[in-house]
């Protein structure tokens, strides 16, 4: 079956993909397309099938139903969710990256320094891989994916193990790489509020596609609210909504502000609005 008629400029396309593991349905009738220069992010709760969908699209898992089409000659740079390195293995960042592109020969010194410099990690070149921090490791893995000069950059939870400030910086970096390289980006993330600036479209997945579209529209869609809105931590994964006269605890619980004597109850953000509104 050929790619669908609305797939002009497509890099990779999944149509009606279904996957089962024993009696468990991981994916059911899922569609997803990434086009040239486009960033698509897949979000959803744990166990929603996000990583399974990515593996099907990359050809690492054969679907039980549906089809996947990749553009002929497509070059893919893949950044896994995690990588385990034996603590006794004498492996520097340089050696780790040198093995990234065996088909094209080992990258030159200039190339290694260029990709590490692009992700802000050139200083790590001679460091033992086991000694780099979580945030540094994500940048090394991103550099490894870039060594393949990808048409499509695939990132599975790229901000895993990175603090909140570092996550924002990493997603900004990913957006800049997409713009500068003109590559497509397929990304898995829990963090819609952070990826909004780095993605063009979002698929909200929970075995099936619950909703899809522009990230701001998805954040307001009932399908998104159904997945995240009933949980105390939902506000950590969505757009912050301001509630006048209240502050928000770390777990998302609203607590009223005590007004100063003789003053009206102040709005939590210091603005003049007396109605709930998006803030941020």
Protein backbone atom coordinates (compact mmCIF):
# COMPACT_ATOMS: atom_id res chain seq x y z
CA UNK A 1 0.00 0.00 0.00
CA UNK A 2 1.34 3.42 -1.00
CA UNK A 3 1.58 6.38 1.37
CA UNK A 4 -1.66 8.31 1.75
CA UNK A 5 -2.47 11.13 -0.65
CA UNK A 6 -1.99 13.82 2.04
CA UNK A 7 1.57 12.69 2.82
CA UNK A 8 3.44 15.09 0.53
CA UNK A 9 7.00 15.51 1.78
CA UNK A 10 6.57 12.64 4.25
CA UNK A 11 9.59 11.07 5.93
CA UNK A 12 7.79 8.31 7.77
CA UNK A 13 4.14 7.32 8.07
CA UNK A 14 2.25 4.78 10.18
CA UNK A 15 -1.30 3.89 9.15
CA UNK A 16 -3.75 1.99 11.32
CA UNK A 17 -0.93 0.33 13.27
CA UNK A 18 -1.90 -2.28 15.87
CA UNK A 19 0.37 -4.25 18.21
CA UNK A 20 -0.48 -6.88 20.82
CA UNK A 21 1.74 -8.60 23.33
CA UNK A 22 -0.04 -11.76 24.38
CA UNK A 23 -3.45 -10.61 25.59
CA UNK A 24 -2.34 -6.99 26.02
CA UNK A 25 -3.17 -4.47 23.30
CA UNK A 26 -0.31 -2.00 23.08
CA UNK A 27 -1.56 -0.09 20.03
CA UNK A 28 -4.88 -0.11 18.20
CA UNK A 29 -5.41 1.58 14.83
CA UNK A 30 -2.81 4.33 15.28
CA UNK A 31 -1.92 6.82 12.53
CA UNK A 32 1.19 9.02 12.67
CA UNK A 33 3.12 10.94 10.02
CA UNK A 34 6.30 13.03 10.17
CA UNK A 35 7.07 15.32 7.24
CA UNK A 36 10.24 17.10 6.18
CA UNK A 37 11.29 19.77 8.68
CA UNK A 38 8.37 18.95 11.00
CA UNK A 39 8.49 18.11 14.70
CA UNK A 40 5.92 15.61 15.98
CA UNK A 41 5.70 14.74 19.68
CA UNK A 42 3.91 11.70 21.09
CA UNK A 43 2.64 12.16 24.65
CA UNK A 44 0.68 9.90 26.97
CA UNK A 45 0.80 8.19 30.37
CA UNK A 46 3.12 5.31 31.22
CA UNK A 47 2.11 2.19 29.32
CA UNK A 48 0.31 4.18 26.62
CA UNK A 49 2.33 2.57 23.81
CA UNK A 50 4.52 5.57 22.97
CA UNK A 51 7.83 3.72 22.73
CA UNK A 52 6.13 0.78 21.02
CA UNK A 53 4.84 3.12 18.30
CA UNK A 54 8.31 4.59 17.77
CA UNK A 55 9.85 1.12 17.50
CA UNK A 56 7.22 0.10 14.96
CA UNK A 57 7.89 3.22 12.90
CA UNK A 58 11.64 2.49 12.99
CA UNK A 59 11.12 -1.13 11.94
CA UNK A 60 12.33 -2.56 15.26
CA UNK A 61 8.94 -4.19 15.93
CA UNK A 62 6.66 -5.67 13.29
CA UNK A 63 3.04 -4.52 13.72
CA UNK A 64 0.25 -7.07 13.96
CA UNK A 65 -1.87 -4.82 11.77
CA UNK A 66 -1.43 -1.71 9.66
CA UNK A 67 1.48 -0.43 7.58
CA UNK A 68 4.58 1.75 7.96
CA UNK A 69 6.18 3.63 5.06
CA UNK A 70 9.59 5.28 5.16
CA UNK A 71 10.98 7.53 2.47
CA UNK A 72 13.53 5.58 0.38
CA UNK A 73 17.07 6.26 1.61
CA UNK A 74 15.82 7.85 4.83
CA UNK A 75 18.65 8.53 7.30
CA UNK A 76 17.56 8.23 10.92
CA UNK A 77 19.37 9.42 14.03
CA UNK A 78 17.98 7.66 17.10
CA UNK A 79 18.36 8.79 20.69
CA UNK A 80 17.17 6.01 23.03
CA UNK A 81 15.39 6.57 26.31
CA UNK A 82 18.35 5.19 28.21
CA UNK A 83 21.60 3.34 27.64
CA UNK A 84 23.37 1.03 30.06
CA UNK A 85 27.17 1.08 30.16
CA UNK A 86 29.20 -1.47 32.12
CA UNK A 87 30.91 0.40 34.94
CA UNK A 88 34.13 -1.56 34.31
CA UNK A 89 34.26 -0.79 30.58
CA UNK A 90 37.01 1.76 29.78
CA UNK A 91 34.88 3.83 27.41
CA UNK A 92 35.36 7.56 26.86
CA UNK A 93 32.86 9.85 25.19
CA UNK A 94 35.21 9.96 22.20
CA UNK A 95 35.21 6.16 21.78
CA UNK A 96 31.47 5.93 22.37
CA UNK A 97 30.80 8.41 19.58
CA UNK A 98 33.39 6.84 17.28
CA UNK A 99 31.31 3.65 17.10
CA UNK A 100 28.13 5.53 16.15
CA UNK A 101 28.53 5.44 12.36
CA UNK A 102 30.34 2.20 11.43
CA UNK A 103 28.93 2.14 7.90
CA UNK A 104 30.46 5.47 6.98
CA UNK A 105 33.75 4.98 8.77
CA UNK A 106 34.73 6.56 12.04
CA UNK A 107 34.09 10.29 12.32
CA UNK A 108 37.02 12.69 12.13
CA UNK A 109 38.28 14.69 15.09
CA UNK A 110 36.79 17.80 13.55
CA UNK A 111 33.41 16.11 13.15
CA UNK A 112 33.39 14.80 16.74
CA UNK A 113 34.16 18.22 18.15
CA UNK A 114 31.62 19.87 15.87
CA UNK A 115 28.66 17.72 16.97
CA UNK A 116 29.62 17.91 20.64
CA UNK A 117 30.03 21.67 20.33
CA UNK A 118 26.60 21.91 18.73
CA UNK A 119 24.98 20.29 21.78
CA UNK A 120 27.17 22.16 24.28
CA UNK A 121 29.27 19.17 25.33
CA UNK A 122 32.65 19.53 23.59
CA UNK A 123 34.38 19.61 26.97
CA UNK A 124 33.30 16.01 27.61
CA UNK A 125 35.21 14.47 24.69
CA UNK A 126 37.86 12.71 26.80
CA UNK A 127 35.67 12.03 29.87
CA UNK A 128 34.83 8.46 30.88
CA UNK A 129 31.24 7.83 29.84
CA UNK A 130 30.35 6.51 33.31
CA UNK A 131 31.29 9.83 34.91
CA UNK A 132 29.09 12.20 32.91
CA UNK A 133 25.92 13.49 34.57
CA UNK A 134 22.38 12.67 33.47
CA UNK A 135 21.99 15.92 31.58
CA UNK A 136 25.42 15.58 29.99
CA UNK A 137 24.63 12.03 28.92
CA UNK A 138 21.50 13.18 27.11
CA UNK A 139 23.57 15.70 25.18
CA UNK A 140 26.14 13.03 24.29
CA UNK A 141 23.35 10.77 23.04
CA UNK A 142 21.95 13.64 21.00
CA UNK A 143 25.40 14.25 19.49
CA UNK A 144 25.60 10.53 18.66
CA UNK A 145 22.30 10.74 16.78
CA UNK A 146 23.49 13.84 14.87
CA UNK A 147 26.60 12.03 13.65
CA UNK A 148 24.40 10.16 11.21
CA UNK A 149 23.39 13.42 9.46
CA UNK A 150 19.76 12.41 9.92
CA UNK A 151 16.80 13.35 7.78
CA UNK A 152 14.74 12.26 10.79
CA UNK A 153 15.81 12.69 14.41
CA UNK A 154 14.01 10.25 16.75
CA UNK A 155 14.15 11.11 20.45
CA UNK A 156 12.64 8.81 23.08
CA UNK A 157 12.15 10.81 26.31
CA UNK A 158 15.17 13.05 25.58
CA UNK A 159 14.88 14.90 28.92
CA UNK A 160 14.85 11.75 31.05
CA UNK A 161 16.97 12.21 34.20
CA UNK A 162 17.39 15.95 33.59
CA UNK A 163 16.24 18.61 36.08
CA UNK A 164 13.45 21.00 35.08
CA UNK A 165 15.75 23.86 34.12
CA UNK A 166 17.90 21.51 32.09
CA UNK A 167 14.81 20.09 30.37
CA UNK A 168 13.80 23.51 29.08
CA UNK A 169 17.32 24.12 27.77
CA UNK A 170 17.39 20.70 26.09
CA UNK A 171 14.08 21.20 24.31
CA UNK A 172 15.22 24.63 23.12
CA UNK A 173 18.37 22.96 21.76
CA UNK A 174 16.28 20.35 19.95
CA UNK A 175 14.18 23.09 18.37
CA UNK A 176 17.29 24.92 17.24
CA UNK A 177 18.79 21.74 15.74
CA UNK A 178 15.57 21.10 13.82
CA UNK A 179 15.59 24.64 12.43
CA UNK A 180 19.28 24.63 11.51
CA UNK A 181 19.43 21.13 10.02
CA UNK A 182 15.98 21.12 8.46
CA UNK A 183 15.44 17.56 9.69
CA UNK A 184 12.17 16.07 10.85
CA UNK A 185 11.84 15.27 14.56
CA UNK A 186 9.83 12.45 16.11
CA UNK A 187 9.84 12.80 19.88
CA UNK A 188 8.34 10.98 22.86
CA UNK A 189 7.73 13.07 25.97
CA UNK A 190 5.58 13.38 29.10
CA UNK A 191 6.17 17.11 29.23
CA UNK A 192 3.71 18.92 26.97
CA UNK A 193 4.30 22.27 28.69
CA UNK A 194 8.02 22.07 27.89
CA UNK A 195 7.85 20.68 24.34
CA UNK A 196 5.25 23.21 23.15
CA UNK A 197 7.92 25.54 21.78
CA UNK A 198 9.86 22.67 20.19
CA UNK A 199 7.08 20.83 18.38
CA UNK A 200 4.62 21.52 15.57
CA UNK A 201 2.12 18.75 16.24
CA UNK A 202 1.24 16.49 19.15
CA UNK A 203 -0.36 13.05 19.27
CA UNK A 204 -1.93 12.20 22.64
CA UNK A 205 -1.76 8.42 22.82
CA UNK A 206 -3.28 5.83 25.11
CA UNK A 207 -3.23 2.65 22.99
CA UNK A 208 -5.38 4.68 20.58
CA UNK A 209 -4.99 8.27 19.42
CA UNK A 210 -7.02 10.31 21.93
CA UNK A 211 -6.41 13.61 20.16
CA UNK A 212 -3.91 15.17 17.79
CA UNK A 213 -3.01 18.60 16.48
CA UNK A 214 -1.28 21.82 17.53
CA UNK A 215 0.11 21.49 21.08
CA UNK A 216 -1.96 24.34 22.51
CA UNK A 217 -5.14 22.86 21.05
CA UNK A 218 -4.26 19.42 22.40
CA UNK A 219 -3.72 20.84 25.89
CA UNK A 220 -7.38 21.93 25.89
CA UNK A 221 -8.83 18.84 24.24
CA UNK A 222 -11.18 16.59 26.30
CA UNK A 223 -9.07 13.57 25.30
CA UNK A 224 -6.02 15.16 26.92
CA UNK A 225 -8.00 16.17 30.00
CA UNK A 226 -9.33 12.62 30.31
CA UNK A 227 -5.77 11.28 30.53
CA UNK A 228 -4.20 13.93 32.75
CA UNK A 229 -6.93 16.09 34.25
CA UNK A 230 -8.15 13.70 36.97
CA UNK A 231 -4.75 13.37 38.63
CA UNK A 232 -3.15 15.78 41.14
CA UNK A 233 0.02 15.91 39.02
CA UNK A 234 -1.87 16.81 35.83
CA UNK A 235 -0.99 20.48 36.12
CA UNK A 236 2.70 19.56 35.98
CA UNK A 237 2.14 18.20 32.47
CA UNK A 238 -0.20 20.84 31.07
CA UNK A 239 -0.56 24.56 30.60
CA UNK A 240 -0.74 26.34 33.93
CA UNK A 241 -4.19 27.83 34.58
CA UNK A 242 -4.31 30.81 36.95
CA UNK A 243 -6.87 30.80 39.76
CA UNK A 244 -7.20 34.21 41.44
CA UNK A 245 -6.41 34.32 45.14
CA UNK A 246 -4.79 30.89 45.20
CA UNK A 247 -1.33 29.37 45.06
CA UNK A 248 -0.48 25.93 43.77
CA UNK A 249 1.36 23.32 45.84
CA UNK A 250 3.98 21.06 44.27
CA UNK A 251 1.37 18.31 43.91
CA UNK A 252 -0.99 20.64 42.04
CA UNK A 253 -3.36 21.33 44.95
CA UNK A 254 -4.81 24.84 45.12
CA UNK A 255 -4.47 26.69 48.42
CA UNK A 256 -6.18 30.07 49.13
CA UNK A 257 -4.03 33.09 49.86
CA UNK A 258 -4.76 34.87 53.13
CA UNK A 259 -5.56 38.56 52.37
CA UNK A 260 -3.75 41.28 54.23
CA UNK A 261 -5.93 43.14 56.76
CA UNK A 262 -8.05 45.73 54.99
CA UNK A 263 -7.18 44.44 51.53
CA UNK A 264 -9.11 42.33 49.07
CA UNK A 265 -7.90 38.83 48.36
CA UNK A 266 -5.00 39.27 45.88
CA UNK A 267 -4.68 37.32 42.63
CA UNK A 268 -1.90 34.72 42.86
CA UNK A 269 0.12 36.04 39.94
CA UNK A 270 -0.13 39.73 40.77
CA UNK A 271 -2.15 40.57 37.66
CA UNK A 272 -5.43 42.49 37.58
CA UNK A 273 -7.63 39.68 36.28
CA UNK A 274 -10.47 38.43 38.46
CA UNK A 275 -11.25 35.46 36.20
CA UNK A 276 -9.37 32.17 35.70
CA UNK A 277 -7.07 32.47 32.70
CA UNK A 278 -4.02 30.87 31.13
CA UNK A 279 -0.85 32.17 32.69
CA UNK A 280 2.52 31.62 31.15
